[in-house]
C-alpha atoms as a PDB file:
ATOM      1  CA  UNK A   1       0.028   0.004  -0.003  1.00  0.00           C
ATOM      2  CA  UNK A   2       1.301   3.445  -0.843  1.00  0.00           C
ATOM      3  CA  UNK A   3       0.318   6.717   0.948  1.00  0.00           C
ATOM      4  CA  UNK A   4       1.269   9.799  -1.068  1.00  0.00           C
ATOM      5  CA  UNK A   5       1.341  13.473  -0.083  1.00  0.00           C
ATOM      6  CA  UNK A   6       1.544  16.338  -2.561  1.00  0.00           C
ATOM      7  CA  UNK A   7       3.489  18.719  -0.333  1.00  0.00           C
ATOM      8  CA  UNK A   8       5.864  18.786   2.629  1.00  0.00           C
ATOM      9  CA  UNK A   9       8.898  16.705   3.410  1.00  0.00           C
ATOM     10  CA  UNK A  10       9.146  12.949   3.073  1.00  0.00           C
ATOM     11  CA  UNK A  11      11.152  10.533   5.311  1.00  0.00           C
ATOM     12  CA  UNK A  12      11.838   7.111   3.993  1.00  0.00           C
ATOM     13  CA  UNK A  13      12.482   3.996   6.174  1.00  0.00           C
ATOM     14  CA  UNK A  14      12.591   0.297   5.889  1.00  0.00           C
ATOM     15  CA  UNK A  15      11.195  -2.439   8.189  1.00  0.00           C
ATOM     16  CA  UNK A  16      12.049  -6.118   8.099  1.00  0.00           C
ATOM     17  CA  UNK A  17      11.368  -7.982   4.943  1.00  0.00           C
ATOM     18  CA  UNK A  18      10.334  -5.855   1.965  1.00  0.00           C
ATOM     19  CA  UNK A  19       8.383  -2.973   3.500  1.00  0.00           C
ATOM     20  CA  UNK A  20       9.266   0.534   2.455  1.00  0.00           C
ATOM     21  CA  UNK A  21       7.932   3.177   4.866  1.00  0.00           C
ATOM     22  CA  UNK A  22       7.369   6.891   3.980  1.00  0.00           C
ATOM     23  CA  UNK A  23       6.894   9.337   6.743  1.00  0.00           C
ATOM     24  CA  UNK A  24       5.638  12.642   5.394  1.00  0.00           C
ATOM     25  CA  UNK A  25       5.585  16.064   7.016  1.00  0.00           C
ATOM     26  CA  UNK A  26       2.734  18.127   5.461  1.00  0.00           C
ATOM     27  CA  UNK A  27       1.855  21.457   7.031  1.00  0.00           C
ATOM     28  CA  UNK A  28       1.911  20.669  10.860  1.00  0.00           C
ATOM     29  CA  UNK A  29       1.286  16.928  10.825  1.00  0.00           C
ATOM     30  CA  UNK A  30       3.175  13.723   9.996  1.00  0.00           C
ATOM     31  CA  UNK A  31       1.781  10.543   8.475  1.00  0.00           C
ATOM     32  CA  UNK A  32       3.151   7.060   7.740  1.00  0.00           C
ATOM     33  CA  UNK A  33       2.621   5.063   4.590  1.00  0.00           C
ATOM     34  CA  UNK A  34       4.009   1.825   3.252  1.00  0.00           C
ATOM     35  CA  UNK A  35       4.989   0.752  -0.237  1.00  0.00           C
ATOM     36  CA  UNK A  36       5.214  -2.856  -1.263  1.00  0.00           C
ATOM     37  CA  UNK A  37       7.846  -4.163  -3.703  1.00  0.00           C
ATOM     38  CA  UNK A  38       8.243  -7.106  -5.980  1.00  0.00           C
ATOM     39  CA  UNK A  39      10.900  -8.660  -3.725  1.00  0.00           C
ATOM     40  CA  UNK A  40      10.435 -10.764  -0.579  1.00  0.00           C
ATOM     41  CA  UNK A  41      14.071 -10.076   0.514  1.00  0.00           C
ATOM     42  CA  UNK A  42      15.038  -7.862   3.419  1.00  0.00           C
ATOM     43  CA  UNK A  43      15.870  -4.345   2.291  1.00  0.00           C
ATOM     44  CA  UNK A  44      18.712  -2.415   3.932  1.00  0.00           C
ATOM     45  CA  UNK A  45      19.376   0.948   2.405  1.00  0.00           C
ATOM     46  CA  UNK A  46      18.052   3.661   0.078  1.00  0.00           C
ATOM     47  CA  UNK A  47      19.520   6.563  -1.860  1.00  0.00           C
ATOM     48  CA  UNK A  48      17.450   9.204  -3.624  1.00  0.00           C
ATOM     49  CA  UNK A  49      18.793  11.970  -5.944  1.00  0.00           C
ATOM     50  CA  UNK A  50      16.830  14.177  -8.327  1.00  0.00           C
ATOM     51  CA  UNK A  51      13.824  11.866  -8.401  1.00  0.00           C
ATOM     52  CA  UNK A  52      15.916   8.742  -9.054  1.00  0.00           C
ATOM     53  CA  UNK A  53      16.347   6.144  -6.338  1.00  0.00           C
ATOM     54  CA  UNK A  54      18.127   2.909  -5.483  1.00  0.00           C
ATOM     55  CA  UNK A  55      17.265   0.360  -2.787  1.00  0.00           C
ATOM     56  CA  UNK A  56      19.551  -2.508  -1.869  1.00  0.00           C
ATOM     57  CA  UNK A  57      19.064  -5.681   0.207  1.00  0.00           C
ATOM     58  CA  UNK A  58      19.620  -9.396   0.766  1.00  0.00           C
ATOM     59  CA  UNK A  59      19.839 -12.032  -1.950  1.00  0.00           C
ATOM     60  CA  UNK A  60      21.658  -9.735  -4.385  1.00  0.00           C
ATOM     61  CA  UNK A  61      18.699  -7.344  -4.394  1.00  0.00           C
ATOM     62  CA  UNK A  62      19.007  -3.958  -6.108  1.00  0.00           C
ATOM     63  CA  UNK A  63      15.858  -2.043  -6.855  1.00  0.00           C
ATOM     64  CA  UNK A  64      15.732   1.134  -8.984  1.00  0.00           C
ATOM     65  CA  UNK A  65      13.150   3.909  -9.234  1.00  0.00           C
ATOM     66  CA  UNK A  66      12.960   6.681 -11.873  1.00  0.00           C
ATOM     67  CA  UNK A  67       9.800   8.278 -10.512  1.00  0.00           C
ATOM     68  CA  UNK A  68      10.779   9.507  -7.074  1.00  0.00           C
ATOM     69  CA  UNK A  69       9.886   6.245  -5.384  1.00  0.00           C
ATOM     70  CA  UNK A  70       6.403   5.737  -6.688  1.00  0.00           C
ATOM     71  CA  UNK A  71       7.439   2.367  -8.226  1.00  0.00           C
ATOM     72  CA  UNK A  72      10.518   0.114  -8.057  1.00  0.00           C
ATOM     73  CA  UNK A  73      11.972  -2.453 -10.435  1.00  0.00           C
ATOM     74  CA  UNK A  74      14.585  -5.081  -9.879  1.00  0.00           C
ATOM     75  CA  UNK A  75      17.991  -4.633 -11.540  1.00  0.00           C
ATOM     76  CA  UNK A  76      19.841  -7.668 -12.833  1.00  0.00           C
ATOM     77  CA  UNK A  77      23.338  -8.423 -11.633  1.00  0.00           C
ATOM     78  CA  UNK A  78      26.219  -8.418 -14.104  1.00  0.00           C
ATOM     79  CA  UNK A  79      28.153 -11.696 -13.549  1.00  0.00           C
ATOM     80  CA  UNK A  80      31.254 -10.010 -14.933  1.00  0.00           C
ATOM     81  CA  UNK A  81      31.459  -8.160 -11.578  1.00  0.00           C
ATOM     82  CA  UNK A  82      32.242 -11.457  -9.860  1.00  0.00           C
ATOM     83  CA  UNK A  83      30.452 -14.357  -8.301  1.00  0.00           C
ATOM     84  CA  UNK A  84      27.824 -12.884  -5.936  1.00  0.00           C
ATOM     85  CA  UNK A  85      25.011 -15.340  -5.787  1.00  0.00           C
ATOM     86  CA  UNK A  86      23.199 -14.697  -2.594  1.00  0.00           C
ATOM     87  CA  UNK A  87      25.237 -11.583  -1.779  1.00  0.00           C
ATOM     88  CA  UNK A  88      23.670  -9.018   0.600  1.00  0.00           C
ATOM     89  CA  UNK A  89      24.091  -5.405  -0.398  1.00  0.00           C
ATOM     90  CA  UNK A  90      23.811  -3.237   2.796  1.00  0.00           C
ATOM     91  CA  UNK A  91      24.762   0.191   1.680  1.00  0.00           C
ATOM     92  CA  UNK A  92      24.104   2.498  -1.316  1.00  0.00           C
ATOM     93  CA  UNK A  93      24.931   6.214  -1.880  1.00  0.00           C
ATOM     94  CA  UNK A  94      24.454   8.326  -4.998  1.00  0.00           C
ATOM     95  CA  UNK A  95      25.324  11.919  -5.961  1.00  0.00           C
ATOM     96  CA  UNK A  96      24.115  14.257  -8.624  1.00  0.00           C
ATOM     97  CA  UNK A  97      25.824  13.461 -11.906  1.00  0.00           C
ATOM     98  CA  UNK A  98      25.251   9.693 -11.647  1.00  0.00           C
ATOM     99  CA  UNK A  99      28.070   8.835  -9.365  1.00  0.00           C
ATOM    100  CA  UNK A 100      27.312   6.058  -6.847  1.00  0.00           C
ATOM    101  CA  UNK A 101      28.550   3.216  -4.750  1.00  0.00           C
ATOM    102  CA  UNK A 102      27.055  -0.046  -3.370  1.00  0.00           C
ATOM    103  CA  UNK A 103      28.684  -2.077  -0.627  1.00  0.00           C
ATOM    104  CA  UNK A 104      28.028  -5.406   0.998  1.00  0.00           C
ATOM    105  CA  UNK A 105      29.140  -9.015   1.666  1.00  0.00           C
ATOM    106  CA  UNK A 106      32.793  -9.819   2.072  1.00  0.00           C
ATOM    107  CA  UNK A 107      33.784  -6.163   1.801  1.00  0.00           C
ATOM    108  CA  UNK A 108      32.458  -5.960  -1.784  1.00  0.00           C
ATOM    109  CA  UNK A 109      32.255  -2.495  -3.453  1.00  0.00           C
ATOM    110  CA  UNK A 110      30.499  -1.585  -6.702  1.00  0.00           C
ATOM    111  CA  UNK A 111      30.802   1.808  -8.364  1.00  0.00           C
ATOM    112  CA  UNK A 112      28.966   3.572 -11.185  1.00  0.00           C
ATOM    113  CA  UNK A 113      29.527   6.896 -12.864  1.00  0.00           C
ATOM    114  CA  UNK A 114      26.442   6.867 -15.154  1.00  0.00           C
ATOM    115  CA  UNK A 115      23.598   6.573 -12.750  1.00  0.00           C
ATOM    116  CA  UNK A 116      23.689   2.741 -12.555  1.00  0.00           C
ATOM    117  CA  UNK A 117      23.792   2.113 -16.331  1.00  0.00           C
ATOM    118  CA  UNK A 118      27.080   0.296 -15.879  1.00  0.00           C
ATOM    119  CA  UNK A 119      28.999  -0.861 -12.774  1.00  0.00           C
ATOM    120  CA  UNK A 120      32.607  -1.763 -11.890  1.00  0.00           C
ATOM    121  CA  UNK A 121      33.917  -3.714  -8.934  1.00  0.00           C
ATOM    122  CA  UNK A 122      36.435  -1.861  -6.722  1.00  0.00           C
ATOM    123  CA  UNK A 123      39.051  -3.320  -4.392  1.00  0.00           C
ATOM    124  CA  UNK A 124      38.199  -2.440  -0.799  1.00  0.00           C
ATOM    125  CA  UNK A 125      41.673  -2.418   0.519  1.00  0.00           C
ATOM    126  CA  UNK A 126      40.553  -4.463   3.531  1.00  0.00           C
ATOM    127  CA  UNK A 127      43.431  -6.465   5.095  1.00  0.00           C
ATOM    128  CA  UNK A 128      43.999  -9.831   3.483  1.00  0.00           C
ATOM    129  CA  UNK A 129      42.943 -12.038   6.356  1.00  0.00           C
ATOM    130  CA  UNK A 130      40.093 -14.556   6.827  1.00  0.00           C
ATOM    131  CA  UNK A 131      38.707 -12.361   9.638  1.00  0.00           C
ATOM    132  CA  UNK A 132      38.352  -9.217   7.572  1.00  0.00           C
ATOM    133  CA  UNK A 133      37.649 -10.709   4.147  1.00  0.00           C
ATOM    134  CA  UNK A 134      34.500 -12.315   5.517  1.00  0.00           C
ATOM    135  CA  UNK A 135      33.315  -9.041   7.116  1.00  0.00           C
ATOM    136  CA  UNK A 136      30.449  -7.200   5.609  1.00  0.00           C
ATOM    137  CA  UNK A 137      30.505  -3.497   4.659  1.00  0.00           C
ATOM    138  CA  UNK A 138      27.276  -2.098   6.051  1.00  0.00           C
ATOM    139  CA  UNK A 139      27.212   1.453   4.809  1.00  0.00           C
ATOM    140  CA  UNK A 140      28.740   3.851   2.246  1.00  0.00           C
ATOM    141  CA  UNK A 141      28.476   7.658   2.013  1.00  0.00           C
ATOM    142  CA  UNK A 142      29.585   9.644  -0.995  1.00  0.00           C
ATOM    143  CA  UNK A 143      30.562  13.253  -0.280  1.00  0.00           C
ATOM    144  CA  UNK A 144      31.871  14.122  -3.748  1.00  0.00           C
ATOM    145  CA  UNK A 145      32.611  12.117  -6.886  1.00  0.00           C
ATOM    146  CA  UNK A 146      36.136  11.582  -5.432  1.00  0.00           C
ATOM    147  CA  UNK A 147      35.579  11.491  -1.664  1.00  0.00           C
ATOM    148  CA  UNK A 148      33.575   8.652   0.044  1.00  0.00           C
ATOM    149  CA  UNK A 149      33.460   6.614   3.250  1.00  0.00           C
ATOM    150  CA  UNK A 150      32.502   3.002   3.904  1.00  0.00           C
ATOM    151  CA  UNK A 151      32.069   1.231   7.262  1.00  0.00           C
ATOM    152  CA  UNK A 152      31.177  -2.219   8.534  1.00  0.00           C
ATOM    153  CA  UNK A 153      31.807  -5.143  10.776  1.00  0.00           C
ATOM    154  CA  UNK A 154      35.050  -5.863  12.726  1.00  0.00           C
ATOM    155  CA  UNK A 155      35.854  -2.237  12.994  1.00  0.00           C
ATOM    156  CA  UNK A 156      36.257  -1.699   9.213  1.00  0.00           C
ATOM    157  CA  UNK A 157      36.382   2.000   8.328  1.00  0.00           C
ATOM    158  CA  UNK A 158      37.392   2.862   4.696  1.00  0.00           C
ATOM    159  CA  UNK A 159      38.006   6.164   2.929  1.00  0.00           C
ATOM    160  CA  UNK A 160      38.623   7.072  -0.725  1.00  0.00           C
ATOM    161  CA  UNK A 161      39.806  10.321  -2.150  1.00  0.00           C
ATOM    162  CA  UNK A 162      40.131   9.257  -5.759  1.00  0.00           C
ATOM    163  CA  UNK A 163      36.680   7.949  -6.675  1.00  0.00           C
ATOM    164  CA  UNK A 164      37.279   4.491  -5.370  1.00  0.00           C
ATOM    165  CA  UNK A 165      40.429   3.640  -7.291  1.00  0.00           C
ATOM    166  CA  UNK A 166      42.060   3.270  -3.882  1.00  0.00           C
ATOM    167  CA  UNK A 167      40.226   2.609  -0.632  1.00  0.00           C
ATOM    168  CA  UNK A 168      42.345   3.179   2.543  1.00  0.00           C
ATOM    169  CA  UNK A 169      41.454   1.319   5.757  1.00  0.00           C
ATOM    170  CA  UNK A 170      41.506   3.546   8.777  1.00  0.00           C
ATOM    171  CA  UNK A 171      42.037   2.493  12.419  1.00  0.00           C
ATOM    172  CA  UNK A 172      38.694   3.558  13.855  1.00  0.00           C
ATOM    173  CA  UNK A 173      36.441   6.526  14.506  1.00  0.00           C
ATOM    174  CA  UNK A 174      38.376   7.589  17.631  1.00  0.00           C
ATOM    175  CA  UNK A 175      35.884   7.327  20.418  1.00  0.00           C
ATOM    176  CA  UNK A 176      33.642   4.635  18.991  1.00  0.00           C
ATOM    177  CA  UNK A 177      32.783   2.056  21.722  1.00  0.00           C
ATOM    178  CA  UNK A 178      31.195  -0.439  19.331  1.00  0.00           C
ATOM    179  CA  UNK A 179      32.894  -3.170  17.303  1.00  0.00           C
ATOM    180  CA  UNK A 180      30.551  -2.642  14.374  1.00  0.00           C
ATOM    181  CA  UNK A 181      29.857   0.715  12.735  1.00  0.00           C
ATOM    182  CA  UNK A 182      26.471   0.573  11.005  1.00  0.00           C
ATOM    183  CA  UNK A 183      26.404   3.923   9.195  1.00  0.00           C
ATOM    184  CA  UNK A 184      28.505   7.025   8.462  1.00  0.00           C
ATOM    185  CA  UNK A 185      26.792  10.070   7.013  1.00  0.00           C
ATOM    186  CA  UNK A 186      27.898  13.561   6.001  1.00  0.00           C
ATOM    187  CA  UNK A 187      25.832  16.715   5.168  1.00  0.00           C
ATOM    188  CA  UNK A 188      26.918  17.702   1.698  1.00  0.00           C
ATOM    189  CA  UNK A 189      30.442  19.163   1.696  1.00  0.00           C
ATOM    190  CA  UNK A 190      30.129  21.111   4.957  1.00  0.00           C
ATOM    191  CA  UNK A 191      32.400  18.700   6.717  1.00  0.00           C
ATOM    192  CA  UNK A 192      29.778  17.883   9.364  1.00  0.00           C
ATOM    193  CA  UNK A 193      28.968  14.190   9.716  1.00  0.00           C
ATOM    194  CA  UNK A 194      27.637  11.446  11.985  1.00  0.00           C
ATOM    195  CA  UNK A 195      28.246   7.766  12.654  1.00  0.00           C
ATOM    196  CA  UNK A 196      26.045   5.280  14.500  1.00  0.00           C
ATOM    197  CA  UNK A 197      26.687   1.828  15.898  1.00  0.00           C
ATOM    198  CA  UNK A 198      25.875  -1.291  17.906  1.00  0.00           C
ATOM    199  CA  UNK A 199      25.332   0.214  21.327  1.00  0.00           C
ATOM    200  CA  UNK A 200      23.111   3.083  20.360  1.00  0.00           C
ATOM    201  CA  UNK A 201      25.948   5.524  20.263  1.00  0.00           C
ATOM    202  CA  UNK A 202      26.053   8.560  17.942  1.00  0.00           C
ATOM    203  CA  UNK A 203      29.353  10.201  16.906  1.00  0.00           C
ATOM    204  CA  UNK A 204      29.732  13.638  15.245  1.00  0.00           C
ATOM    205  CA  UNK A 205      32.502  15.228  13.239  1.00  0.00           C
ATOM    206  CA  UNK A 206      32.894  18.733  11.970  1.00  0.00           C
ATOM    207  CA  UNK A 207      36.088  18.259  10.058  1.00  0.00           C
ATOM    208  CA  UNK A 208      35.197  15.535   7.471  1.00  0.00           C
ATOM    209  CA  UNK A 209      36.128  12.742   9.802  1.00  0.00           C
ATOM    210  CA  UNK A 210      39.472  13.907  11.130  1.00  0.00           C
ATOM    211  CA  UNK A 211      38.127  13.879  14.667  1.00  0.00           C
ATOM    212  CA  UNK A 212      34.901  12.599  16.320  1.00  0.00           C
ATOM    213  CA  UNK A 213      32.966  13.346  19.496  1.00  0.00           C
ATOM    214  CA  UNK A 214      30.306  11.259  21.090  1.00  0.00           C
ATOM    215  CA  UNK A 215      26.779  12.644  21.572  1.00  0.00           C
ATOM    216  CA  UNK A 216      24.205  11.701  24.129  1.00  0.00           C
ATOM    217  CA  UNK A 217      21.946   9.033  22.588  1.00  0.00           C
ATOM    218  CA  UNK A 218      18.293   8.273  23.097  1.00  0.00           C
ATOM    219  CA  UNK A 219      18.770   4.494  23.236  1.00  0.00           C
ATOM    220  CA  UNK A 220      21.102   1.644  24.132  1.00  0.00           C
ATOM    221  CA  UNK A 221      19.875  -0.492  21.256  1.00  0.00           C
ATOM    222  CA  UNK A 222      21.702  -0.711  17.997  1.00  0.00           C
ATOM    223  CA  UNK A 223      21.226   2.241  15.631  1.00  0.00           C
ATOM    224  CA  UNK A 224      21.479   1.336  11.882  1.00  0.00           C
ATOM    225  CA  UNK A 225      21.131   4.669  10.074  1.00  0.00           C
ATOM    226  CA  UNK A 226      21.105   8.409  10.546  1.00  0.00           C
ATOM    227  CA  UNK A 227      20.337  11.459   8.473  1.00  0.00           C
ATOM    228  CA  UNK A 228      20.041  15.228   9.066  1.00  0.00           C
ATOM    229  CA  UNK A 229      18.387  17.874   6.931  1.00  0.00           C
ATOM    230  CA  UNK A 230      20.140  21.221   7.421  1.00  0.00           C
ATOM    231  CA  UNK A 231      17.231  23.218   5.876  1.00  0.00           C
ATOM    232  CA  UNK A 232      14.591  22.015   8.314  1.00  0.00           C
ATOM    233  CA  UNK A 233      17.074  21.251  11.061  1.00  0.00           C
ATOM    234  CA  UNK A 234      15.360  17.818  11.494  1.00  0.00           C
ATOM    235  CA  UNK A 235      17.529  14.710  12.066  1.00  0.00           C
ATOM    236  CA  UNK A 236      16.594  11.068  12.495  1.00  0.00           C
ATOM    237  CA  UNK A 237      18.378   7.919  13.649  1.00  0.00           C
ATOM    238  CA  UNK A 238      16.693   4.544  13.398  1.00  0.00           C
ATOM    239  CA  UNK A 239      17.499   1.118  14.763  1.00  0.00           C
ATOM    240  CA  UNK A 240      16.537  -2.172  16.326  1.00  0.00           C
ATOM    241  CA  UNK A 241      13.126  -2.961  17.832  1.00  0.00           C
ATOM    242  CA  UNK A 242      11.444   0.030  16.369  1.00  0.00           C
ATOM    243  CA  UNK A 243      13.707   2.682  17.889  1.00  0.00           C
ATOM    244  CA  UNK A 244      13.523   6.114  16.206  1.00  0.00           C
ATOM    245  CA  UNK A 245      15.520   9.004  17.601  1.00  0.00           C
ATOM    246  CA  UNK A 246      14.997  12.480  16.305  1.00  0.00           C
ATOM    247  CA  UNK A 247      16.684  15.900  16.384  1.00  0.00           C
ATOM    248  CA  UNK A 248      15.317  19.355  15.845  1.00  0.00           C
ATOM    249  CA  UNK A 249      18.600  21.256  16.171  1.00  0.00           C
ATOM    250  CA  UNK A 250      20.547  20.060  13.193  1.00  0.00           C
ATOM    251  CA  UNK A 251      21.904  16.861  14.768  1.00  0.00           C
ATOM    252  CA  UNK A 252      23.456  18.433  17.875  1.00  0.00           C
ATOM    253  CA  UNK A 253      21.149  16.325  20.090  1.00  0.00           C
ATOM    254  CA  UNK A 254      18.701  13.399  19.721  1.00  0.00           C
ATOM    255  CA  UNK A 255      15.725  12.243  21.705  1.00  0.00           C
ATOM    256  CA  UNK A 256      13.255   9.367  21.527  1.00  0.00           C
ATOM    257  CA  UNK A 257       9.948  10.186  19.840  1.00  0.00           C
ATOM    258  CA  UNK A 258       7.529   9.183  17.131  1.00  0.00           C
ATOM    259  CA  UNK A 259       5.857   6.588  19.357  1.00  0.00           C
ATOM    260  CA  UNK A 260       9.061   4.589  19.781  1.00  0.00           C
ATOM    261  CA  UNK A 261      10.926   3.878  23.040  1.00  0.00           C
ATOM    262  CA  UNK A 262      13.950   1.928  24.245  1.00  0.00           C
ATOM    263  CA  UNK A 263      11.671  -0.836  25.482  1.00  0.00           C
ATOM    264  CA  UNK A 264       9.531  -1.167  22.363  1.00  0.00           C
ATOM    265  CA  UNK A 265       9.504  -4.370  20.309  1.00  0.00           C
ATOM    266  CA  UNK A 266       8.530  -2.895  16.970  1.00  0.00           C
ATOM    267  CA  UNK A 267      10.123  -3.742  13.592  1.00  0.00           C
ATOM    268  CA  UNK A 268      13.819  -3.057  13.260  1.00  0.00           C
ATOM    269  CA  UNK A 269      14.462  -0.033  10.999  1.00  0.00           C
ATOM    270  CA  UNK A 270      17.602  -0.343   8.774  1.00  0.00           C
ATOM    271  CA  UNK A 271      17.481   2.865   6.731  1.00  0.00           C
ATOM    272  CA  UNK A 272      16.228   6.368   6.788  1.00  0.00           C
ATOM    273  CA  UNK A 273      16.526   9.338   4.377  1.00  0.00           C
ATOM    274  CA  UNK A 274      14.890  12.739   3.772  1.00  0.00           C
ATOM    275  CA  UNK A 275      13.509  13.655   0.384  1.00  0.00           C
ATOM    276  CA  UNK A 276      12.820  17.454   0.291  1.00  0.00           C
ATOM    277  CA  UNK A 277      10.512  17.399  -2.698  1.00  0.00           C
ATOM    278  CA  UNK A 278       7.708  16.006  -0.556  1.00  0.00           C
ATOM    279  CA  UNK A 279       7.484  12.662  -2.305  1.00  0.00           C
ATOM    280  CA  UNK A 280       4.725  13.943  -4.651  1.00  0.00           C
END
């Protein structure tokens, strides 16, 4: 079922299995709607730019929309990119101009420069050991066509400054208390960014990741994704068991709201993103 609004701001989120949720702010009220898809696989992440969108998930699932999310179609996997039967794609990030990355199982990274028309596999630079090569990359965030971050299990933090030709493993995010970093997210090219992880922690940087500070969180449950809209000053972090944290001060602080609590047992949310065109 799809619930559409013709004005306001739209927040997208995923529950378990194939549900896509849209939370729309129109005038002074908010409303939830759900959109079904042709897949039964769990969906993990979404990226929307200029009305075009990508969704990624388990079982090699990649869905594409060309109409602002009204409809989604499955994209076939090019076997020339390597054997990936049953791969899970956990992160996707696109920029204007058609540049984008997808990350997932066994530190795999795919890159496109033409909006997803063609893809290339990129070497992650993850240390050559059984421990790290079986680790999953859980998120990617593109800042420019050259600069991007990817994070995941077993403390993996990667950064590229050359469009993915070279990915450099970093030690960690400084004050991160979790073994797994679920998401890293930056607001445009301002240098301000956030990371969330397995203990409900939220980290913030103001220098494009050179240093990080830990913010007070609204939960001790795992947070899977975070986004902040500088225009409205709203920010959202979502996670396990229905937890939704929100910010009204541009991501400087977060509190529990939207009917969720740290003791709730709702569906686990894996991804969240703001679409400023209202989702009409």
